[in-house]
Amino acid sequence: MDDQPCRSFFLQPRSTFHRRYEALRAFFIDERPSAEVATQFGYKPNAFKVLISRFRHHICGQDLPPFSSRMAADDPRAGRAAKTATGRTRPPSPIGRPLT
């Protein structure tokens, strides 16, 4: 059985969030050099360093990483985020009001 398409799914991800996840995983888990990972996943080396820095900031602040769903069922913060988002209201728009 040819598993090349399955390997390509992980090694050459198409979606932005999946690509970001796989690149960060290669850096932190596989401990590959950032320049090598950046090249493989189509990032400029400095842009990938910024991505690493932002990821560390999110994790150290106990925030969800930029590629995770905020609606994950097992995340207690997801319920609060959803309630907060739905409770927001915008001020009425001045467009459509009669002129006085």
Protein backbone atom coordinates (compact mmCIF):
# COMPACT_ATOMS: atom_id res chain seq x y z
CA MET A 1 0.00 0.00 0.00
CA ASP A 2 1.33 3.44 -0.94
CA ASP A 3 1.24 5.73 2.09
CA GLN A 4 2.94 8.65 0.33
CA PRO A 5 -0.29 10.72 0.21
CA CYS A 6 -0.68 10.18 3.97
CA ARG A 7 2.94 11.21 4.64
CA SER A 8 2.47 14.26 2.42
CA PHE A 9 -0.54 15.29 4.51
CA PHE A 10 1.81 15.80 7.48
CA LEU A 11 4.98 16.86 5.70
CA GLN A 12 3.37 19.28 3.23
CA PRO A 13 0.21 20.57 4.91
CA ARG A 14 -2.04 22.73 2.78
CA SER A 15 -4.04 24.72 5.33
CA THR A 16 -2.38 27.60 7.16
CA PHE A 17 -3.22 26.33 10.65
CA HIS A 18 -2.08 22.80 9.91
CA ARG A 19 1.18 24.07 8.38
CA ARG A 20 1.80 26.23 11.46
CA TYR A 21 1.13 23.27 13.77
CA GLU A 22 3.43 20.91 11.89
CA ALA A 23 6.23 23.49 11.68
CA LEU A 24 6.10 24.24 15.41
CA ARG A 25 5.90 20.56 16.20
CA ALA A 26 8.99 19.87 14.08
CA PHE A 27 10.86 22.61 15.93
CA PHE A 28 9.81 21.83 19.51
CA ILE A 29 9.27 18.05 19.42
CA ASP A 30 11.68 16.88 16.74
CA GLU A 31 14.18 19.57 17.82
CA ARG A 32 15.05 20.47 14.25
CA PRO A 33 16.86 23.75 13.47
CA SER A 34 14.47 26.66 12.90
CA ALA A 35 16.00 27.56 9.52
CA GLU A 36 15.50 23.99 8.27
CA VAL A 37 11.89 23.87 9.47
CA ALA A 38 11.19 27.31 8.01
CA THR A 39 12.44 26.19 4.61
CA GLN A 40 10.44 22.95 4.65
CA PHE A 41 7.16 24.66 5.54
CA GLY A 42 7.59 27.75 3.37
CA TYR A 43 8.38 30.36 6.00
CA LYS A 44 11.13 32.94 5.86
CA PRO A 45 13.60 32.17 8.68
CA ASN A 46 12.90 35.43 10.55
CA ALA A 47 9.14 35.03 10.16
CA PHE A 48 9.38 31.54 11.63
CA LYS A 49 11.37 32.88 14.59
CA VAL A 50 8.53 35.35 15.22
CA LEU A 51 6.05 32.46 15.04
CA ILE A 52 8.11 30.55 17.62
CA SER A 53 8.24 33.59 19.89
CA ARG A 54 4.48 34.15 19.66
CA PHE A 55 3.81 30.48 20.36
CA ARG A 56 6.00 30.59 23.47
CA HIS A 57 4.18 33.73 24.60
CA HIS A 58 0.77 32.06 24.16
CA ILE A 59 1.84 28.92 26.00
CA CYS A 60 3.55 30.77 28.86
CA GLY A 61 0.43 32.92 29.24
CA GLN A 62 -1.66 29.73 29.26
CA ASP A 63 -3.54 30.93 26.18
CA LEU A 64 -4.63 28.69 23.37
CA PRO A 65 -2.07 28.52 20.59
CA PRO A 66 -2.95 30.32 17.36
CA PHE A 67 -3.93 27.13 15.54
CA SER A 68 -6.22 25.66 18.20
CA SER A 69 -9.97 25.92 18.16
CA ARG A 70 -11.39 28.20 20.82
CA MET A 71 -14.50 26.03 20.84
CA ALA A 72 -12.76 22.82 21.92
CA ALA A 73 -15.16 20.85 24.05
CA ASP A 74 -12.56 19.92 26.64
CA ASP A 75 -11.45 23.53 27.23
CA PRO A 76 -13.32 25.22 30.09
CA ARG A 77 -12.29 28.63 28.70
CA ALA A 78 -14.26 27.90 25.52
CA GLY A 79 -17.62 28.18 27.28
CA ARG A 80 -16.67 31.50 28.85
CA ALA A 81 -15.38 32.84 25.54
CA ALA A 82 -18.58 31.87 23.76
CA LYS A 83 -20.76 33.47 26.45
CA THR A 84 -18.67 36.64 26.42
CA ALA A 85 -18.76 36.88 22.65
CA THR A 86 -22.52 36.48 22.47
CA GLY A 87 -23.12 38.99 25.25
CA ARG A 88 -21.46 41.85 23.40
CA THR A 89 -23.58 44.43 21.70
CA ARG A 90 -22.68 47.18 19.30
CA PRO A 91 -23.88 50.74 19.63
CA PRO A 92 -26.70 51.57 17.23
CA SER A 93 -25.58 52.68 13.82
CA PRO A 94 -26.22 56.32 12.88
CA ILE A 95 -26.95 55.16 9.34
CA GLY A 96 -30.67 54.95 8.69
CA ARG A 97 -31.68 57.36 11.42
CA PRO A 98 -33.85 60.27 10.35
CA LEU A 99 -32.08 63.62 10.26
CA THR A 100 -33.37 66.12 12.80
